[in-house]
Protein backbone atom coordinates (compact mmCIF):
# COMPACT_ATOMS: atom_id res chain seq x y z
CA UNK A 1 -13.50 21.13 18.99
CA UNK A 2 -9.92 19.85 19.03
CA UNK A 3 -8.26 17.74 16.36
CA UNK A 4 -4.92 15.93 16.71
CA UNK A 5 -2.69 14.86 13.83
CA UNK A 6 0.70 13.24 13.35
CA UNK A 7 3.42 15.27 11.63
CA UNK A 8 6.99 14.49 10.69
CA UNK A 9 8.54 17.64 12.10
CA UNK A 10 12.15 17.03 11.17
CA UNK A 11 13.96 14.09 9.64
CA UNK A 12 12.95 11.03 11.69
CA UNK A 13 11.08 13.09 14.32
CA UNK A 14 7.35 12.39 14.80
CA UNK A 15 5.16 14.92 16.59
CA UNK A 16 1.44 15.07 17.40
CA UNK A 17 -0.08 18.53 16.97
CA UNK A 18 -3.40 19.91 18.12
CA UNK A 19 -5.53 22.40 16.25
CA UNK A 20 -9.07 23.72 16.51
CA UNK A 21 -11.55 22.30 14.05
CA UNK A 22 -14.74 24.16 13.16
CA UNK A 23 -17.40 22.16 11.33
CA UNK A 24 -20.55 23.80 9.99
CA UNK A 25 -23.08 21.22 8.83
CA UNK A 26 -23.58 21.35 5.05
CA UNK A 27 -24.53 19.05 2.16
CA UNK A 28 -21.03 18.69 0.67
CA UNK A 29 -18.80 17.55 3.54
CA UNK A 30 -18.90 15.28 6.59
CA UNK A 31 -17.15 15.23 9.94
CA UNK A 32 -15.26 12.00 10.55
CA UNK A 33 -13.94 10.43 13.75
CA UNK A 34 -11.08 8.06 12.94
CA UNK A 35 -11.38 4.50 14.23
CA UNK A 36 -8.15 3.12 12.73
CA UNK A 37 -5.39 4.31 10.48
CA UNK A 38 -2.64 2.21 8.98
CA UNK A 39 1.06 2.78 8.46
CA UNK A 40 2.20 2.04 4.92
CA UNK A 41 5.67 1.15 6.10
CA UNK A 42 7.79 1.39 2.95
CA UNK A 43 6.37 4.68 1.71
CA UNK A 44 6.24 6.37 5.10
CA UNK A 45 9.83 5.32 5.78
CA UNK A 46 10.96 7.11 2.61
CA UNK A 47 8.89 10.19 3.39
CA UNK A 48 10.01 10.50 7.01
CA UNK A 49 13.68 10.15 6.08
CA UNK A 50 13.47 12.92 3.43
CA UNK A 51 14.23 10.42 0.67
CA UNK A 52 11.78 11.76 -1.93
CA UNK A 53 13.40 13.46 -4.92
CA UNK A 54 12.49 17.13 -5.31
CA UNK A 55 11.27 16.65 -8.87
CA UNK A 56 8.72 14.14 -7.51
CA UNK A 57 7.27 16.38 -4.78
CA UNK A 58 4.09 17.25 -6.69
CA UNK A 59 3.76 13.96 -8.57
CA UNK A 60 3.97 11.83 -5.41
CA UNK A 61 1.85 14.04 -3.18
CA UNK A 62 -0.75 12.16 -1.12
CA UNK A 63 -4.36 13.37 -1.61
CA UNK A 64 -4.76 15.04 1.80
CA UNK A 65 -1.20 15.65 2.97
CA UNK A 66 -0.20 19.00 4.41
CA UNK A 67 3.30 20.43 4.31
CA UNK A 68 5.92 19.14 1.88
CA UNK A 69 8.33 16.25 1.43
CA UNK A 70 11.02 18.70 2.48
CA UNK A 71 9.41 18.52 5.96
CA UNK A 72 7.49 19.22 8.06
CA UNK A 73 4.69 17.05 6.64
CA UNK A 74 1.40 15.48 7.67
CA UNK A 75 1.38 12.31 5.61
CA UNK A 76 -0.59 9.09 5.26
CA UNK A 77 -3.39 7.61 3.17
CA UNK A 78 -5.02 4.81 5.16
CA UNK A 79 -7.97 5.88 7.30
CA UNK A 80 -11.03 3.98 8.53
CA UNK A 81 -13.51 6.22 10.30
CA UNK A 82 -17.08 6.86 11.36
CA UNK A 83 -19.14 9.84 10.18
CA UNK A 84 -20.35 11.76 13.23
CA UNK A 85 -21.84 14.84 11.53
CA UNK A 86 -23.07 15.89 8.11
CA UNK A 87 -26.12 15.09 5.96
CA UNK A 88 -28.50 12.79 7.82
CA UNK A 89 -28.14 9.80 5.46
CA UNK A 90 -24.39 9.62 6.18
CA UNK A 91 -24.49 9.83 9.99
CA UNK A 92 -22.91 6.82 11.70
CA UNK A 93 -21.68 5.29 8.42
CA UNK A 94 -18.25 3.63 8.49
CA UNK A 95 -15.95 4.75 5.72
CA UNK A 96 -12.49 4.45 4.18
CA UNK A 97 -10.64 7.58 3.06
CA UNK A 98 -7.12 8.44 1.92
CA UNK A 99 -6.66 10.76 4.92
CA UNK A 100 -3.46 10.96 7.07
CA UNK A 101 -3.10 9.98 10.73
CA UNK A 102 -5.61 12.33 12.40
CA UNK A 103 -8.33 11.69 14.97
CA UNK A 104 -11.01 14.09 13.70
CA UNK A 105 -11.35 15.68 10.25
CA UNK A 106 -13.71 17.19 7.70
CA UNK A 107 -13.78 15.72 4.20
CA UNK A 108 -15.79 16.10 1.01
CA UNK A 109 -18.53 13.51 0.51
CA UNK A 110 -17.09 12.73 -2.94
CA UNK A 111 -13.97 11.37 -1.19
CA UNK A 112 -15.95 9.07 1.14
CA UNK A 113 -16.07 5.32 0.50
CA UNK A 114 -18.70 3.42 2.47
CA UNK A 115 -17.60 0.16 4.09
CA UNK A 116 -19.64 -3.04 4.55
CA UNK A 117 -21.02 -3.97 7.95
CA UNK A 118 -18.82 -6.10 10.19
CA UNK A 119 -15.22 -6.08 11.34
CA UNK A 120 -13.50 -2.93 10.10
CA UNK A 121 -9.88 -3.76 10.91
CA UNK A 122 -9.04 -5.42 7.59
CA UNK A 123 -10.04 -2.30 5.67
CA UNK A 124 -6.80 -0.58 6.63
CA UNK A 125 -5.46 -2.80 3.82
CA UNK A 126 -7.59 -0.96 1.23
CA UNK A 127 -4.94 1.41 -0.14
CA UNK A 128 -2.37 -1.37 -0.47
CA UNK A 129 -4.95 -3.58 -2.17
CA UNK A 130 -5.36 -0.77 -4.71
CA UNK A 131 -1.61 -0.96 -5.31
CA UNK A 132 -1.88 -4.73 -5.71
CA UNK A 133 -4.66 -4.33 -8.29
CA UNK A 134 -2.52 -1.88 -10.26
CA UNK A 135 0.40 -4.34 -10.21
CA UNK A 136 -1.95 -7.06 -11.47
CA UNK A 137 -3.10 -4.79 -14.31
CA UNK A 138 0.42 -3.60 -15.15
CA UNK A 139 1.71 -7.16 -15.44
CA UNK A 140 -0.84 -8.02 -18.18
CA UNK A 141 -0.26 -11.65 -17.26
CA UNK A 142 -1.90 -14.59 -18.94
CA UNK A 143 -3.90 -17.00 -16.81
CA UNK A 144 -1.42 -19.85 -17.31
CA UNK A 145 1.74 -17.78 -16.67
CA UNK A 146 4.18 -18.80 -13.95
CA UNK A 147 4.23 -15.77 -11.66
CA UNK A 148 6.63 -15.03 -8.80
CA UNK A 149 6.03 -12.31 -6.20
CA UNK A 150 9.15 -11.57 -4.20
CA UNK A 151 8.89 -9.48 -1.02
CA UNK A 152 6.00 -10.26 1.32
CA UNK A 153 5.06 -7.00 2.90
CA UNK A 154 1.42 -6.00 2.66
CA UNK A 155 1.70 -5.10 -1.04
CA UNK A 156 3.46 -8.33 -2.00
CA UNK A 157 1.01 -10.55 -0.11
CA UNK A 158 -2.04 -8.68 -1.40
CA UNK A 159 -0.72 -8.85 -4.96
CA UNK A 160 -0.31 -12.62 -4.75
CA UNK A 161 -3.74 -12.89 -3.12
CA UNK A 162 -5.37 -10.80 -5.87
CA UNK A 163 -3.87 -13.07 -8.54
CA UNK A 164 -5.21 -16.03 -6.59
CA UNK A 165 -8.81 -14.77 -6.32
CA UNK A 166 -8.71 -14.07 -10.06
CA UNK A 167 -8.12 -17.79 -10.65
CA UNK A 168 -4.42 -17.68 -11.55
CA UNK A 169 -3.03 -21.10 -10.64
CA UNK A 170 0.75 -20.79 -10.97
CA UNK A 171 1.48 -18.18 -8.29
CA UNK A 172 4.64 -18.47 -6.19
CA UNK A 173 5.82 -16.21 -3.36
CA UNK A 174 9.09 -15.68 -1.54
CA UNK A 175 10.62 -13.53 1.18
CA UNK A 176 13.93 -14.04 2.96
CA UNK A 177 12.10 -13.34 6.23
CA UNK A 178 10.87 -16.80 7.14
CA UNK A 179 8.33 -15.39 9.61
CA UNK A 180 6.24 -14.37 6.61
CA UNK A 181 6.03 -17.94 5.32
CA UNK A 182 3.28 -18.78 7.86
CA UNK A 183 1.08 -15.90 6.72
CA UNK A 184 1.61 -16.80 3.05
CA UNK A 185 0.57 -20.39 3.73
CA UNK A 186 -2.38 -19.23 5.84
CA UNK A 187 -3.64 -17.34 2.77
CA UNK A 188 -3.18 -20.43 0.61
CA UNK A 189 -0.15 -19.06 -1.23
CA UNK A 190 2.67 -21.26 -2.51
CA UNK A 191 5.84 -20.21 -0.65
CA UNK A 192 8.79 -21.61 -2.63
CA UNK A 193 12.53 -22.14 -2.36
CA UNK A 194 13.61 -19.41 -4.72
CA UNK A 195 16.84 -21.23 -5.62
CA UNK A 196 14.88 -24.10 -7.13
CA UNK A 197 12.47 -22.15 -9.34
CA UNK A 198 13.06 -21.08 -12.93
CA UNK A 199 11.16 -20.42 -16.16
CA UNK A 200 9.14 -17.68 -14.53
CA UNK A 201 7.03 -15.67 -16.98
CA UNK A 202 6.31 -12.70 -14.71
CA UNK A 203 8.23 -11.61 -11.61
CA UNK A 204 6.94 -8.90 -9.27
CA UNK A 205 9.49 -7.14 -7.06
CA UNK A 206 8.15 -5.45 -3.92
CA UNK A 207 11.35 -5.77 -1.85
CA UNK A 208 12.69 -2.21 -2.36
CA UNK A 209 16.01 -3.92 -3.13
CA UNK A 210 17.23 -3.32 -6.69
CA UNK A 211 19.80 -6.14 -6.38
CA UNK A 212 16.92 -8.59 -6.70
CA UNK A 213 16.46 -7.60 -10.35
CA UNK A 214 19.65 -9.27 -11.59
CA UNK A 215 18.66 -12.46 -9.80
CA UNK A 216 15.17 -12.38 -11.31
CA UNK A 217 16.54 -11.93 -14.83
CA UNK A 218 18.32 -15.26 -14.49
CA UNK A 219 15.06 -16.95 -13.40
CA UNK A 220 12.82 -15.52 -16.11
CA UNK A 221 11.83 -17.31 -19.27
CA UNK A 222 12.41 -15.89 -22.77
CA UNK A 223 10.55 -12.57 -23.15
CA UNK A 224 9.65 -12.67 -19.46
CA UNK A 225 8.66 -9.56 -17.51
CA UNK A 226 9.69 -7.93 -14.25
CA UNK A 227 7.11 -5.64 -12.65
CA UNK A 228 9.04 -3.25 -10.42
CA UNK A 229 6.62 -2.21 -7.68
CA UNK A 230 9.15 -0.77 -5.20
CA UNK A 231 9.65 2.95 -4.67
CA UNK A 232 13.32 3.82 -4.25
CA UNK A 233 13.16 7.57 -3.67
CA UNK A 234 16.68 9.02 -3.71
CA UNK A 235 18.30 5.57 -3.66
CA UNK A 236 20.22 4.84 -6.87
CA UNK A 237 20.76 1.24 -7.93
CA UNK A 238 22.77 -0.65 -10.52
CA UNK A 239 21.39 -3.48 -12.63
CA UNK A 240 23.12 -5.55 -15.29
CA UNK A 241 21.65 -4.94 -18.73
CA UNK A 242 24.39 -6.75 -20.62
CA UNK A 243 23.49 -10.31 -19.68
CA UNK A 244 20.11 -12.03 -19.46
CA UNK A 245 18.23 -8.77 -20.00
CA UNK A 246 19.28 -8.75 -23.68
CA UNK A 247 19.77 -12.44 -24.39
CA UNK A 248 16.30 -13.32 -23.08
CA UNK A 249 14.59 -10.17 -24.50
CA UNK A 250 13.25 -9.26 -21.05
CA UNK A 251 11.02 -6.35 -20.05
CA UNK A 252 11.11 -4.23 -16.88
CA UNK A 253 7.77 -2.54 -16.16
CA UNK A 254 7.19 0.21 -13.62
CA UNK A 255 4.02 -0.04 -11.54
CA UNK A 256 2.78 2.93 -9.54
CA UNK A 257 -0.64 3.35 -7.97
CA UNK A 258 -1.21 7.05 -8.76
CA UNK A 259 -1.90 6.20 -12.42
CA UNK A 260 -4.30 3.64 -13.86
CA UNK A 261 -2.70 1.81 -16.81
CA UNK A 262 -3.87 3.06 -20.20
CA UNK A 263 -5.27 -0.32 -21.18
CA UNK A 264 -7.56 -0.21 -18.13
CA UNK A 265 -8.56 3.45 -17.89
CA UNK A 266 -11.64 3.04 -20.08
CA UNK A 267 -12.95 0.34 -17.74
CA UNK A 268 -11.91 1.82 -14.39
CA UNK A 269 -11.48 5.22 -12.79
CA UNK A 270 -9.96 5.81 -9.34
CA UNK A 271 -13.30 5.53 -7.56
CA UNK A 272 -14.12 2.22 -9.26
CA UNK A 273 -10.68 0.84 -8.47
CA UNK A 274 -11.04 1.73 -4.80
CA UNK A 275 -14.44 0.04 -4.67
CA UNK A 276 -12.87 -3.05 -6.25
CA UNK A 277 -10.17 -2.98 -3.56
CA UNK A 278 -12.78 -2.88 -0.78
CA UNK A 279 -14.73 -5.73 -2.41
CA UNK A 280 -11.52 -7.78 -2.72
CA UNK A 281 -10.98 -7.60 1.06
CA UNK A 282 -14.11 -9.54 2.05
CA UNK A 283 -12.12 -12.58 3.26
CA UNK A 284 -11.64 -12.23 7.03
CA UNK A 285 -8.34 -14.18 6.76
CA UNK A 286 -6.72 -11.02 5.41
CA UNK A 287 -6.79 -9.54 8.91
CA UNK A 288 -3.77 -11.78 9.57
CA UNK A 289 -1.69 -9.22 7.63
CA UNK A 290 -2.14 -6.84 10.55
CA UNK A 291 0.82 -7.98 12.60
CA UNK A 292 1.08 -5.16 15.14
CA UNK A 293 -0.95 -2.31 16.61
CA UNK A 294 -0.59 0.65 18.92
CA UNK A 295 -2.45 3.73 20.12
CA UNK A 296 -2.44 7.01 18.22
CA UNK A 297 -1.12 9.07 21.12
CA UNK A 298 1.88 6.73 21.46
CA UNK A 299 3.08 7.47 17.92
CA UNK A 300 5.53 10.17 18.96
CA UNK A 301 7.65 7.52 20.68
CA UNK A 302 6.64 4.46 18.61
CA UNK A 303 6.56 5.67 15.00
CA UNK A 304 10.16 4.95 14.04
CA UNK A 305 10.25 1.67 15.92
CA UNK A 306 7.30 0.58 13.77
CA UNK A 307 9.05 1.59 10.54
CA UNK A 308 12.22 -0.31 11.51
CA UNK A 309 10.50 -3.55 12.53
CA UNK A 310 11.28 -6.09 9.79
CA UNK A 311 8.51 -8.42 10.92
CA UNK A 312 5.77 -5.80 10.60
CA UNK A 313 3.51 -6.28 7.59
CA UNK A 314 0.71 -3.84 8.37
CA UNK A 315 0.60 -1.77 11.55
CA UNK A 316 -2.80 -0.68 12.84
CA UNK A 317 -3.24 2.52 14.85
CA UNK A 318 -6.16 2.67 17.26
CA UNK A 319 -7.91 5.96 18.11
């Protein structure tokens, strides 16, 4: 049988390749036909532009990528599919995996996550909900803290939403793209005028803009915290450590999804966290975060247009 997958062949050049796939039925793996995959815009933009530092190549490797960050690479980690062959009890089950953009693939059963019955589209948010959960854990916020999430891509919106479903009351969100205000309000989030807010206890930055940090330091309360959830790759930024950072005794905390925080790793492993992410997506309103979609075989011409679109929150690929 034939399998097709998306590769970044050269810097900013997407290519779909075909290869033969041989699957022999066994009790350890399944054959999966992809229904949807999702483009994690910020990360895939860094990867496709060769902006990953060489000393991070192994540390930042996606679970099922092929090739290297030096390109060419088959990259991605958002895949919703249907099992079409394997042990009988798994046949026709819908699943989420951390597999790249590929229409047909074999995967170990231990890497399969069964999805609930019903609409599957929202489950392309699963990986980014995992990131949101990690940000929530890394912040170690108190229930009555005033919390600001700045940057309303999929990670920012899901982070605010996860705080909300965990009964945090003082959650505020902001993005300088006003088109995202409607989605924030649709999810019941408090979109604020960032110039008028202060005395924030915890600020979460998902903008991938380091200049935001100086602004946030001014807005934070004494001993406030910034959770830096952006990935900058090769980009080098400057922040002012001589002003509010010292006078307010502030903290800057890195959050990254490939590690579970030490204070949580006795309660959760990666499999448990992923199951929590799937459970946290039960609200059908979250499908509103899928703001665009296209067909897999159009990705050669569409991929970089998708990455450049500032209004895209989550892009769904149909197979």
